[in-house]
N, C-alpha and C. Protein backbone atom coordinates (compact mmCIF):
# COMPACT_ATOMS: atom_id res chain seq x y z
N MET A 1 3.65 0.75 -14.55
CA MET A 1 4.49 0.49 -13.39
C MET A 1 5.40 -0.72 -13.59
N PHE A 2 4.85 -1.75 -14.23
CA PHE A 2 5.61 -3.00 -14.33
C PHE A 2 6.84 -2.86 -15.23
N SER A 3 6.73 -2.08 -16.30
CA SER A 3 7.89 -1.90 -17.16
C SER A 3 9.00 -1.15 -16.42
N GLY A 4 8.61 -0.15 -15.63
CA GLY A 4 9.59 0.59 -14.84
C GLY A 4 10.22 -0.27 -13.78
N LEU A 5 9.42 -1.11 -13.15
CA LEU A 5 9.95 -2.00 -12.12
C LEU A 5 10.89 -3.02 -12.72
N ARG A 6 10.53 -3.55 -13.88
CA ARG A 6 11.41 -4.51 -14.55
C ARG A 6 12.78 -3.88 -14.84
N ALA A 7 12.75 -2.63 -15.32
CA ALA A 7 14.00 -1.94 -15.62
C ALA A 7 14.82 -1.69 -14.35
N ALA A 8 14.14 -1.30 -13.28
CA ALA A 8 14.84 -1.03 -12.02
C ALA A 8 15.45 -2.30 -11.44
N LEU A 9 14.72 -3.39 -11.53
CA LEU A 9 15.24 -4.67 -11.04
C LEU A 9 16.39 -5.15 -11.91
N GLY A 10 16.29 -4.91 -13.21
CA GLY A 10 17.34 -5.33 -14.13
C GLY A 10 18.63 -4.58 -13.91
N ALA A 11 18.53 -3.37 -13.35
CA ALA A 11 19.72 -2.55 -13.11
C ALA A 11 20.47 -3.00 -11.86
N GLN A 12 19.83 -3.84 -11.02
CA GLN A 12 20.47 -4.33 -9.82
C GLN A 12 21.38 -5.50 -10.16
N THR A 13 22.38 -5.70 -9.31
CA THR A 13 23.29 -6.83 -9.49
C THR A 13 23.33 -7.63 -8.20
N PRO A 14 22.32 -8.48 -7.98
CA PRO A 14 22.27 -9.28 -6.76
C PRO A 14 23.52 -10.14 -6.61
N VAL A 15 24.10 -10.14 -5.42
CA VAL A 15 25.29 -10.92 -5.14
C VAL A 15 24.93 -12.05 -4.18
N LEU A 16 25.12 -13.27 -4.61
CA LEU A 16 24.83 -14.42 -3.77
C LEU A 16 26.10 -14.88 -3.08
N SER A 17 25.96 -15.27 -1.82
CA SER A 17 27.08 -15.82 -1.08
C SER A 17 27.03 -17.34 -1.17
N GLY A 18 28.03 -17.92 -1.82
CA GLY A 18 28.05 -19.37 -1.99
C GLY A 18 28.23 -20.13 -0.69
N GLY A 19 28.62 -19.43 0.36
CA GLY A 19 28.86 -20.10 1.63
C GLY A 19 27.65 -20.20 2.52
N LEU A 20 26.52 -19.66 2.09
CA LEU A 20 25.32 -19.68 2.93
C LEU A 20 24.23 -20.56 2.31
N PRO A 21 23.41 -21.19 3.14
CA PRO A 21 22.24 -21.91 2.61
C PRO A 21 21.34 -20.93 1.86
N GLN A 22 20.80 -21.39 0.73
CA GLN A 22 20.01 -20.51 -0.13
C GLN A 22 18.51 -20.81 -0.03
N SER A 23 17.74 -19.73 -0.03
CA SER A 23 16.28 -19.85 -0.10
C SER A 23 15.76 -18.75 -1.01
N ALA A 24 14.50 -18.85 -1.39
CA ALA A 24 13.89 -17.85 -2.26
C ALA A 24 12.44 -17.66 -1.88
N VAL A 25 11.95 -16.43 -2.05
CA VAL A 25 10.53 -16.14 -1.84
C VAL A 25 9.98 -15.53 -3.11
N LEU A 26 8.68 -15.71 -3.32
CA LEU A 26 8.01 -15.15 -4.49
C LEU A 26 7.23 -13.91 -4.08
N VAL A 27 7.58 -12.79 -4.69
CA VAL A 27 6.85 -11.54 -4.48
C VAL A 27 5.93 -11.38 -5.69
N ALA A 28 4.69 -11.84 -5.53
CA ALA A 28 3.73 -11.90 -6.63
C ALA A 28 2.84 -10.67 -6.62
N LEU A 29 2.79 -9.98 -7.76
CA LEU A 29 2.02 -8.74 -7.88
C LEU A 29 0.84 -8.93 -8.83
N TYR A 30 -0.33 -8.46 -8.38
CA TYR A 30 -1.55 -8.50 -9.19
C TYR A 30 -1.93 -7.07 -9.58
N GLU A 31 -2.58 -6.92 -10.73
CA GLU A 31 -3.12 -5.63 -11.13
C GLU A 31 -4.56 -5.80 -11.56
N ALA A 32 -5.43 -4.99 -10.97
CA ALA A 32 -6.85 -5.03 -11.32
C ALA A 32 -7.46 -3.65 -11.09
N GLU A 33 -8.13 -3.13 -12.10
CA GLU A 33 -8.82 -1.84 -12.01
C GLU A 33 -7.87 -0.75 -11.52
N GLY A 34 -6.65 -0.77 -12.02
CA GLY A 34 -5.70 0.27 -11.70
C GLY A 34 -4.99 0.13 -10.36
N GLU A 35 -5.30 -0.92 -9.62
CA GLU A 35 -4.65 -1.13 -8.31
C GLU A 35 -3.74 -2.33 -8.38
N VAL A 36 -2.55 -2.18 -7.81
CA VAL A 36 -1.59 -3.29 -7.73
C VAL A 36 -1.58 -3.80 -6.30
N THR A 37 -1.69 -5.11 -6.16
CA THR A 37 -1.65 -5.73 -4.83
C THR A 37 -0.51 -6.74 -4.79
N VAL A 38 -0.08 -7.05 -3.57
CA VAL A 38 1.00 -8.00 -3.37
C VAL A 38 0.47 -9.18 -2.55
N LEU A 39 0.90 -10.37 -2.91
CA LEU A 39 0.44 -11.60 -2.28
C LEU A 39 1.27 -11.90 -1.03
N LEU A 40 0.59 -12.16 0.08
CA LEU A 40 1.25 -12.48 1.34
C LEU A 40 0.53 -13.65 2.01
N THR A 41 1.21 -14.27 2.96
CA THR A 41 0.63 -15.39 3.69
C THR A 41 0.84 -15.20 5.19
N ARG A 42 0.02 -15.87 5.97
CA ARG A 42 0.26 -15.96 7.42
C ARG A 42 0.57 -17.41 7.74
N ARG A 43 1.72 -17.63 8.35
CA ARG A 43 2.16 -18.98 8.66
C ARG A 43 1.28 -19.61 9.73
N ALA A 44 1.14 -20.93 9.68
CA ALA A 44 0.28 -21.66 10.61
C ALA A 44 0.80 -21.54 12.04
N ALA A 45 -0.14 -21.58 12.99
CA ALA A 45 0.21 -21.41 14.40
C ALA A 45 0.96 -22.61 14.97
N HIS A 46 0.84 -23.78 14.33
CA HIS A 46 1.47 -24.97 14.88
C HIS A 46 2.93 -25.14 14.45
N LEU A 47 3.42 -24.28 13.58
CA LEU A 47 4.78 -24.43 13.10
C LEU A 47 5.79 -24.13 14.20
N ARG A 48 6.93 -24.80 14.12
CA ARG A 48 7.96 -24.63 15.15
C ARG A 48 8.66 -23.29 15.01
N LEU A 49 8.87 -22.82 13.78
CA LEU A 49 9.56 -21.56 13.54
C LEU A 49 8.63 -20.53 12.92
N HIS A 50 8.68 -19.31 13.43
CA HIS A 50 7.93 -18.17 12.89
C HIS A 50 6.43 -18.44 12.80
N ALA A 51 5.90 -19.13 13.79
CA ALA A 51 4.47 -19.43 13.80
C ALA A 51 3.65 -18.14 13.83
N GLY A 52 2.61 -18.10 12.97
CA GLY A 52 1.70 -16.97 12.95
C GLY A 52 2.24 -15.71 12.28
N GLU A 53 3.46 -15.75 11.77
CA GLU A 53 4.04 -14.55 11.16
C GLU A 53 3.64 -14.43 9.70
N VAL A 54 3.61 -13.19 9.22
CA VAL A 54 3.32 -12.93 7.82
C VAL A 54 4.60 -13.07 7.00
N ALA A 55 4.48 -13.74 5.85
CA ALA A 55 5.65 -13.99 5.01
C ALA A 55 5.21 -14.07 3.55
N PHE A 56 6.18 -14.00 2.66
CA PHE A 56 5.94 -14.31 1.25
C PHE A 56 5.99 -15.82 1.07
N PRO A 57 5.30 -16.37 0.07
CA PRO A 57 5.49 -17.79 -0.23
C PRO A 57 6.96 -18.04 -0.56
N GLY A 58 7.50 -19.13 -0.05
CA GLY A 58 8.90 -19.41 -0.35
C GLY A 58 9.48 -20.41 0.63
N GLY A 59 10.76 -20.72 0.42
CA GLY A 59 11.42 -21.69 1.29
C GLY A 59 12.81 -22.02 0.81
N MET A 60 13.37 -23.07 1.38
CA MET A 60 14.74 -23.46 1.08
C MET A 60 14.85 -24.08 -0.31
N CYS A 61 16.00 -23.88 -0.92
CA CYS A 61 16.24 -24.49 -2.23
C CYS A 61 16.42 -26.00 -2.09
N ASP A 62 15.80 -26.75 -2.98
CA ASP A 62 15.98 -28.20 -3.05
C ASP A 62 17.04 -28.52 -4.11
N PRO A 63 17.74 -29.64 -3.95
CA PRO A 63 18.74 -30.01 -4.96
C PRO A 63 18.15 -30.13 -6.36
N GLU A 64 16.87 -30.47 -6.46
CA GLU A 64 16.24 -30.65 -7.76
C GLU A 64 15.86 -29.32 -8.42
N ASP A 65 15.87 -28.23 -7.67
CA ASP A 65 15.48 -26.94 -8.24
C ASP A 65 16.52 -26.47 -9.25
N VAL A 66 16.04 -25.96 -10.37
CA VAL A 66 16.93 -25.48 -11.43
C VAL A 66 17.67 -24.23 -11.00
N ASP A 67 16.93 -23.30 -10.35
CA ASP A 67 17.51 -22.04 -9.89
C ASP A 67 16.62 -21.46 -8.81
N LEU A 68 16.90 -20.23 -8.39
CA LEU A 68 16.12 -19.60 -7.33
C LEU A 68 14.68 -19.35 -7.76
N TRP A 69 14.47 -19.03 -9.03
CA TRP A 69 13.11 -18.86 -9.53
C TRP A 69 12.32 -20.16 -9.42
N ASP A 70 12.97 -21.25 -9.71
CA ASP A 70 12.32 -22.55 -9.61
C ASP A 70 11.91 -22.81 -8.17
N THR A 71 12.78 -22.46 -7.24
CA THR A 71 12.47 -22.61 -5.81
C THR A 71 11.25 -21.78 -5.43
N ALA A 72 11.27 -20.50 -5.80
CA ALA A 72 10.19 -19.60 -5.42
C ALA A 72 8.85 -20.04 -6.00
N GLN A 73 8.85 -20.45 -7.26
CA GLN A 73 7.61 -20.87 -7.89
C GLN A 73 7.12 -22.21 -7.35
N ARG A 74 8.04 -23.13 -7.10
CA ARG A 74 7.66 -24.42 -6.53
C ARG A 74 7.00 -24.22 -5.17
N GLU A 75 7.62 -23.39 -4.34
CA GLU A 75 7.08 -23.15 -3.01
C GLU A 75 5.71 -22.47 -3.08
N ALA A 76 5.55 -21.55 -4.02
CA ALA A 76 4.25 -20.88 -4.16
C ALA A 76 3.17 -21.86 -4.60
N GLU A 77 3.54 -22.79 -5.45
CA GLU A 77 2.60 -23.84 -5.86
C GLU A 77 2.19 -24.68 -4.65
N GLU A 78 3.19 -25.08 -3.85
CA GLU A 78 2.92 -25.95 -2.72
C GLU A 78 2.13 -25.24 -1.61
N GLU A 79 2.42 -23.97 -1.40
CA GLU A 79 1.83 -23.26 -0.27
C GLU A 79 0.46 -22.68 -0.56
N VAL A 80 0.28 -22.10 -1.78
CA VAL A 80 -0.98 -21.41 -2.06
C VAL A 80 -1.61 -21.81 -3.39
N ALA A 81 -1.07 -22.83 -4.05
CA ALA A 81 -1.60 -23.32 -5.34
C ALA A 81 -1.53 -22.26 -6.43
N LEU A 82 -0.50 -21.40 -6.39
CA LEU A 82 -0.31 -20.41 -7.44
C LEU A 82 0.23 -21.10 -8.69
N VAL A 83 -0.43 -20.89 -9.82
CA VAL A 83 -0.09 -21.58 -11.06
C VAL A 83 1.12 -20.93 -11.72
N ARG A 84 2.15 -21.72 -11.99
CA ARG A 84 3.38 -21.18 -12.57
C ARG A 84 3.15 -20.46 -13.89
N ASP A 85 2.28 -21.00 -14.72
CA ASP A 85 2.08 -20.44 -16.05
C ASP A 85 1.48 -19.04 -16.02
N THR A 86 0.98 -18.61 -14.86
CA THR A 86 0.40 -17.27 -14.76
C THR A 86 1.44 -16.23 -14.35
N LEU A 87 2.68 -16.66 -14.12
CA LEU A 87 3.71 -15.75 -13.59
C LEU A 87 4.59 -15.19 -14.70
N GLU A 88 4.79 -13.90 -14.65
CA GLU A 88 5.67 -13.19 -15.58
C GLU A 88 6.83 -12.62 -14.75
N PRO A 89 8.00 -13.28 -14.74
CA PRO A 89 9.11 -12.80 -13.93
C PRO A 89 9.53 -11.38 -14.31
N LEU A 90 9.77 -10.55 -13.30
CA LEU A 90 10.21 -9.17 -13.52
C LEU A 90 11.67 -8.96 -13.12
N GLY A 91 12.14 -9.74 -12.16
CA GLY A 91 13.52 -9.60 -11.71
C GLY A 91 13.66 -9.96 -10.23
N GLN A 92 14.85 -9.80 -9.71
CA GLN A 92 15.13 -10.16 -8.33
C GLN A 92 15.59 -8.94 -7.54
N LEU A 93 15.13 -8.87 -6.29
CA LEU A 93 15.66 -7.89 -5.36
C LEU A 93 16.96 -8.43 -4.77
N ALA A 94 17.78 -7.54 -4.22
CA ALA A 94 19.02 -7.98 -3.60
C ALA A 94 18.72 -8.95 -2.47
N PRO A 95 19.53 -10.00 -2.32
CA PRO A 95 19.29 -10.99 -1.27
C PRO A 95 19.40 -10.38 0.13
N LEU A 96 18.72 -11.02 1.07
CA LEU A 96 18.81 -10.66 2.48
C LEU A 96 19.29 -11.90 3.23
N VAL A 97 19.91 -11.68 4.38
CA VAL A 97 20.40 -12.79 5.19
C VAL A 97 19.73 -12.76 6.56
N THR A 98 19.14 -13.88 6.95
CA THR A 98 18.47 -13.97 8.24
C THR A 98 19.48 -14.09 9.37
N ARG A 99 18.99 -13.96 10.59
CA ARG A 99 19.87 -14.05 11.75
C ARG A 99 20.48 -15.44 11.90
N THR A 100 19.86 -16.43 11.28
CA THR A 100 20.39 -17.79 11.34
C THR A 100 21.31 -18.10 10.17
N GLY A 101 21.62 -17.08 9.35
CA GLY A 101 22.60 -17.28 8.29
C GLY A 101 22.05 -17.91 7.03
N ILE A 102 20.76 -17.71 6.75
CA ILE A 102 20.16 -18.20 5.51
C ILE A 102 19.97 -17.02 4.57
N GLN A 103 20.44 -17.16 3.34
CA GLN A 103 20.28 -16.09 2.37
C GLN A 103 18.96 -16.24 1.62
N VAL A 104 18.18 -15.16 1.62
CA VAL A 104 16.85 -15.16 1.03
C VAL A 104 16.84 -14.24 -0.19
N THR A 105 16.47 -14.76 -1.35
CA THR A 105 16.39 -13.95 -2.57
C THR A 105 14.93 -13.73 -2.94
N PRO A 106 14.45 -12.48 -2.96
CA PRO A 106 13.08 -12.19 -3.38
C PRO A 106 12.99 -12.16 -4.91
N CYS A 107 12.13 -13.02 -5.45
CA CYS A 107 11.89 -13.09 -6.90
C CYS A 107 10.55 -12.41 -7.19
N VAL A 108 10.60 -11.32 -7.93
CA VAL A 108 9.42 -10.48 -8.16
C VAL A 108 8.77 -10.86 -9.49
N ALA A 109 7.46 -11.10 -9.46
CA ALA A 109 6.75 -11.51 -10.67
C ALA A 109 5.38 -10.86 -10.74
N ARG A 110 4.93 -10.61 -11.95
CA ARG A 110 3.56 -10.17 -12.18
C ARG A 110 2.70 -11.39 -12.43
N VAL A 111 1.52 -11.42 -11.83
CA VAL A 111 0.57 -12.51 -12.07
C VAL A 111 -0.34 -12.06 -13.22
N SER A 112 -0.23 -12.73 -14.34
CA SER A 112 -0.94 -12.30 -15.55
C SER A 112 -2.40 -12.74 -15.56
N GLN A 113 -2.71 -13.77 -14.80
CA GLN A 113 -4.08 -14.29 -14.79
C GLN A 113 -4.44 -14.74 -13.38
N ARG A 114 -5.53 -14.24 -12.88
CA ARG A 114 -5.94 -14.59 -11.52
C ARG A 114 -6.54 -15.99 -11.49
N THR A 115 -6.05 -16.82 -10.60
CA THR A 115 -6.58 -18.17 -10.39
C THR A 115 -6.90 -18.34 -8.91
N ALA A 116 -7.67 -19.37 -8.60
CA ALA A 116 -8.04 -19.61 -7.21
C ALA A 116 -6.82 -19.99 -6.39
N LEU A 117 -6.68 -19.37 -5.23
CA LEU A 117 -5.59 -19.68 -4.31
C LEU A 117 -6.15 -20.40 -3.09
N GLU A 118 -5.33 -21.26 -2.52
CA GLU A 118 -5.75 -22.01 -1.33
C GLU A 118 -4.55 -22.21 -0.43
N ALA A 119 -4.67 -21.75 0.81
CA ALA A 119 -3.58 -21.89 1.77
C ALA A 119 -3.43 -23.35 2.18
N ASN A 120 -2.22 -23.87 2.06
CA ASN A 120 -1.92 -25.24 2.49
C ASN A 120 -1.94 -25.29 4.02
N PRO A 121 -2.89 -25.99 4.64
CA PRO A 121 -3.03 -25.97 6.10
C PRO A 121 -1.83 -26.56 6.83
N ALA A 122 -1.02 -27.34 6.13
CA ALA A 122 0.18 -27.89 6.77
C ALA A 122 1.21 -26.79 7.04
N GLU A 123 1.10 -25.68 6.30
CA GLU A 123 2.09 -24.62 6.43
C GLU A 123 1.51 -23.25 6.74
N LEU A 124 0.27 -23.02 6.30
CA LEU A 124 -0.28 -21.67 6.38
C LEU A 124 -1.64 -21.62 7.06
N GLU A 125 -1.89 -20.47 7.67
CA GLU A 125 -3.21 -20.18 8.22
C GLU A 125 -4.07 -19.48 7.18
N SER A 126 -3.44 -18.58 6.39
CA SER A 126 -4.23 -17.83 5.41
C SER A 126 -3.33 -17.28 4.32
N VAL A 127 -3.96 -16.88 3.22
CA VAL A 127 -3.30 -16.19 2.12
C VAL A 127 -4.13 -14.95 1.82
N PHE A 128 -3.47 -13.81 1.58
CA PHE A 128 -4.21 -12.58 1.37
C PHE A 128 -3.42 -11.64 0.46
N GLU A 129 -4.09 -10.59 0.01
CA GLU A 129 -3.44 -9.55 -0.80
C GLU A 129 -3.60 -8.21 -0.10
N ALA A 130 -2.60 -7.35 -0.28
CA ALA A 130 -2.65 -6.00 0.27
C ALA A 130 -2.17 -5.03 -0.80
N PRO A 131 -2.74 -3.82 -0.82
CA PRO A 131 -2.37 -2.85 -1.87
C PRO A 131 -0.91 -2.41 -1.74
N LEU A 132 -0.22 -2.34 -2.88
CA LEU A 132 1.17 -1.90 -2.87
C LEU A 132 1.27 -0.44 -2.41
N ASP A 133 0.27 0.37 -2.75
CA ASP A 133 0.27 1.77 -2.34
C ASP A 133 0.28 1.92 -0.83
N PHE A 134 -0.33 0.98 -0.13
CA PHE A 134 -0.32 1.03 1.34
C PHE A 134 1.11 0.99 1.86
N PHE A 135 1.91 0.10 1.31
CA PHE A 135 3.29 -0.05 1.79
C PHE A 135 4.19 1.10 1.32
N ALA A 136 3.76 1.80 0.27
CA ALA A 136 4.53 2.95 -0.22
C ALA A 136 4.26 4.21 0.58
N ASP A 137 3.28 4.18 1.46
CA ASP A 137 2.92 5.34 2.28
C ASP A 137 3.78 5.35 3.55
N PRO A 138 4.71 6.29 3.68
CA PRO A 138 5.59 6.28 4.86
C PRO A 138 4.84 6.38 6.18
N SER A 139 3.65 6.97 6.16
CA SER A 139 2.90 7.10 7.42
C SER A 139 2.39 5.76 7.93
N GLN A 140 2.37 4.73 7.07
CA GLN A 140 1.93 3.40 7.49
C GLN A 140 3.06 2.55 8.06
N LEU A 141 4.28 3.05 7.98
CA LEU A 141 5.44 2.30 8.44
C LEU A 141 5.88 2.80 9.80
N SER A 142 6.09 1.86 10.72
CA SER A 142 6.65 2.20 12.02
C SER A 142 7.86 1.30 12.26
N PHE A 143 8.52 1.50 13.38
CA PHE A 143 9.72 0.72 13.66
C PHE A 143 9.66 0.16 15.07
N MET A 144 9.91 -1.14 15.17
CA MET A 144 9.99 -1.83 16.45
C MET A 144 11.44 -1.72 16.93
N ARG A 145 11.61 -1.39 18.19
CA ARG A 145 12.95 -1.19 18.73
C ARG A 145 13.37 -2.42 19.55
N PHE A 146 14.54 -2.93 19.24
CA PHE A 146 15.09 -4.08 19.94
C PHE A 146 16.50 -3.76 20.40
N ASP A 147 16.87 -4.34 21.53
CA ASP A 147 18.26 -4.27 21.96
C ASP A 147 18.94 -5.56 21.54
N TYR A 148 19.94 -5.43 20.69
CA TYR A 148 20.63 -6.63 20.21
C TYR A 148 22.12 -6.46 20.48
N GLY A 149 22.63 -7.23 21.43
CA GLY A 149 24.05 -7.16 21.76
C GLY A 149 24.45 -5.78 22.26
N GLY A 150 23.54 -5.11 22.97
CA GLY A 150 23.85 -3.79 23.49
C GLY A 150 23.63 -2.67 22.51
N ARG A 151 23.14 -2.99 21.31
CA ARG A 151 22.88 -1.97 20.30
C ARG A 151 21.41 -1.97 19.92
N GLU A 152 20.86 -0.78 19.78
CA GLU A 152 19.46 -0.68 19.42
C GLU A 152 19.27 -0.91 17.92
N ARG A 153 18.26 -1.70 17.60
CA ARG A 153 17.91 -1.95 16.22
C ARG A 153 16.46 -1.52 16.00
N ARG A 154 16.21 -0.82 14.89
CA ARG A 154 14.88 -0.36 14.53
C ARG A 154 14.39 -1.20 13.35
N VAL A 155 13.46 -2.10 13.64
CA VAL A 155 12.99 -3.08 12.66
C VAL A 155 11.67 -2.59 12.06
N PRO A 156 11.54 -2.57 10.73
CA PRO A 156 10.32 -2.06 10.10
C PRO A 156 9.10 -2.91 10.40
N GLU A 157 7.95 -2.23 10.49
CA GLU A 157 6.69 -2.92 10.79
C GLU A 157 5.54 -2.18 10.11
N TYR A 158 4.69 -2.96 9.45
CA TYR A 158 3.42 -2.45 8.93
C TYR A 158 2.28 -3.15 9.66
N ARG A 159 1.12 -2.48 9.72
CA ARG A 159 -0.11 -3.09 10.22
C ARG A 159 -1.18 -2.95 9.14
N TRP A 160 -1.50 -4.10 8.50
CA TRP A 160 -2.54 -4.11 7.48
C TRP A 160 -3.71 -4.93 7.99
N GLN A 161 -4.86 -4.26 8.21
CA GLN A 161 -6.02 -4.90 8.82
C GLN A 161 -5.58 -5.56 10.13
N ASP A 162 -5.74 -6.88 10.26
CA ASP A 162 -5.31 -7.50 11.51
C ASP A 162 -3.97 -8.23 11.36
N TYR A 163 -3.23 -7.89 10.33
CA TYR A 163 -1.94 -8.53 10.08
C TYR A 163 -0.79 -7.63 10.51
N GLN A 164 0.12 -8.19 11.28
CA GLN A 164 1.38 -7.52 11.60
C GLN A 164 2.43 -8.03 10.61
N ILE A 165 3.03 -7.10 9.89
CA ILE A 165 4.01 -7.44 8.86
C ILE A 165 5.32 -6.77 9.25
N TRP A 166 6.32 -7.54 9.61
CA TRP A 166 7.53 -6.94 10.16
C TRP A 166 8.77 -7.74 9.75
N GLY A 167 9.93 -7.27 10.22
CA GLY A 167 11.19 -7.98 9.98
C GLY A 167 11.55 -8.01 8.51
N ILE A 168 12.07 -9.15 8.07
CA ILE A 168 12.53 -9.28 6.70
C ILE A 168 11.40 -9.08 5.69
N THR A 169 10.20 -9.55 6.01
CA THR A 169 9.07 -9.37 5.09
C THR A 169 8.80 -7.88 4.87
N ALA A 170 8.78 -7.10 5.95
CA ALA A 170 8.59 -5.65 5.82
C ALA A 170 9.75 -5.00 5.09
N ALA A 171 10.97 -5.48 5.35
CA ALA A 171 12.14 -4.93 4.68
C ALA A 171 12.08 -5.15 3.17
N ILE A 172 11.62 -6.34 2.76
CA ILE A 172 11.46 -6.62 1.33
C ILE A 172 10.43 -5.67 0.73
N LEU A 173 9.34 -5.43 1.44
CA LEU A 173 8.30 -4.53 0.94
C LEU A 173 8.82 -3.11 0.81
N VAL A 174 9.63 -2.65 1.76
CA VAL A 174 10.21 -1.31 1.66
C VAL A 174 11.11 -1.22 0.43
N ARG A 175 11.97 -2.21 0.24
CA ARG A 175 12.84 -2.22 -0.94
C ARG A 175 12.00 -2.20 -2.22
N LEU A 176 10.92 -2.98 -2.22
CA LEU A 176 10.07 -3.09 -3.40
C LEU A 176 9.42 -1.76 -3.75
N VAL A 177 8.78 -1.10 -2.77
CA VAL A 177 8.06 0.14 -3.07
C VAL A 177 9.03 1.28 -3.38
N ASN A 178 10.24 1.22 -2.85
CA ASN A 178 11.22 2.24 -3.22
C ASN A 178 11.57 2.15 -4.71
N LEU A 179 11.57 0.93 -5.25
CA LEU A 179 11.83 0.75 -6.67
C LEU A 179 10.58 0.95 -7.51
N ALA A 180 9.47 0.34 -7.09
CA ALA A 180 8.25 0.33 -7.91
C ALA A 180 7.48 1.64 -7.85
N CYS A 181 7.50 2.30 -6.70
CA CYS A 181 6.67 3.48 -6.48
C CYS A 181 7.47 4.73 -6.17
N ASP A 182 8.79 4.61 -6.20
CA ASP A 182 9.66 5.74 -5.86
C ASP A 182 9.25 6.31 -4.51
N ALA A 183 9.05 5.42 -3.53
CA ALA A 183 8.52 5.82 -2.23
C ALA A 183 9.53 6.64 -1.41
N GLY A 184 10.81 6.40 -1.62
CA GLY A 184 11.82 7.16 -0.90
C GLY A 184 11.83 6.90 0.60
N ILE A 185 11.47 5.70 1.01
CA ILE A 185 11.44 5.37 2.44
C ILE A 185 12.84 5.02 2.92
N GLU A 186 13.27 5.67 3.97
CA GLU A 186 14.58 5.38 4.55
C GLU A 186 14.45 4.28 5.59
N MET A 187 15.37 3.35 5.55
CA MET A 187 15.33 2.21 6.47
C MET A 187 16.74 1.71 6.70
N GLU A 188 17.09 1.53 7.97
CA GLU A 188 18.36 0.87 8.27
C GLU A 188 18.22 -0.60 7.89
N ASP A 189 19.16 -1.07 7.10
CA ASP A 189 19.07 -2.44 6.58
C ASP A 189 20.10 -3.32 7.28
N TYR A 190 19.58 -4.24 8.11
CA TYR A 190 20.46 -5.10 8.92
C TYR A 190 20.63 -6.49 8.32
N TRP A 191 20.20 -6.69 7.10
CA TRP A 191 20.13 -8.05 6.56
C TRP A 191 21.17 -8.33 5.49
N HIS A 192 22.30 -7.65 5.59
CA HIS A 192 23.36 -7.87 4.61
C HIS A 192 24.29 -9.02 4.99
N GLY A 193 24.27 -9.41 6.26
CA GLY A 193 25.18 -10.45 6.72
C GLY A 193 24.56 -11.27 7.82
N ARG A 194 25.36 -11.96 8.58
CA ARG A 194 24.84 -12.86 9.61
C ARG A 194 24.31 -12.13 10.82
N GLU A 195 24.67 -10.85 10.98
CA GLU A 195 24.20 -10.11 12.14
C GLU A 195 22.69 -9.96 12.08
N ALA A 196 22.04 -10.10 13.21
CA ALA A 196 20.57 -10.05 13.25
C ALA A 196 20.09 -8.84 14.01
N VAL A 197 18.80 -8.57 13.89
CA VAL A 197 18.21 -7.47 14.62
C VAL A 197 17.49 -7.96 15.87
N ALA A 198 16.91 -9.13 15.80
CA ALA A 198 16.16 -9.66 16.94
C ALA A 198 15.73 -11.08 16.61
N PRO A 199 15.47 -11.90 17.65
CA PRO A 199 14.98 -13.23 17.38
C PRO A 199 13.67 -13.17 16.61
N GLY A 200 13.57 -14.00 15.56
CA GLY A 200 12.35 -14.06 14.78
C GLY A 200 12.30 -13.07 13.64
N ASP A 201 13.44 -12.44 13.32
CA ASP A 201 13.43 -11.44 12.25
C ASP A 201 13.32 -12.05 10.88
N GLY A 202 13.27 -13.35 10.80
CA GLY A 202 13.16 -14.02 9.51
C GLY A 202 14.00 -15.23 9.51
């Protein structure tokens, strides 16, 4: 799967907008006993923005960061103690833009060696893994309906155990499984520009 995903990601041509603030998230994939899982986090309840929401490790680019990969890996180290040396970069998904005008680039990597993870309590409530096959199953995907500026928006949502995974995080997962698993999931994609689907979409 990983060689095919690397090729599919390499065929993409992500376009960054120089006029928007840049951020990056790490989409970390594990493989064990024939199952591939994806690393996710639940943000701490005390945070001012997106409290309690499920997200990938990541954050805003710092001036000291070499590139978007550096941002994604630095944030993963800070948030869940993921060791950089265990990451094998596979490629980047096309960037998404939040309703607040921040461009988010998903950096996809294989984790070559499992190490202990620990959620940073200053930022996270928990860190967990979920099977990639779960997100590739169209029957597990539903859509939340919002009225935005008089227009209905259908925002993707998954429910894994007691985790609600929606908005940009769910959209990244749909894009990922369409490439990695040939899932063929259709989704209206509202994250190409500053227009938003609903408050809190990322």
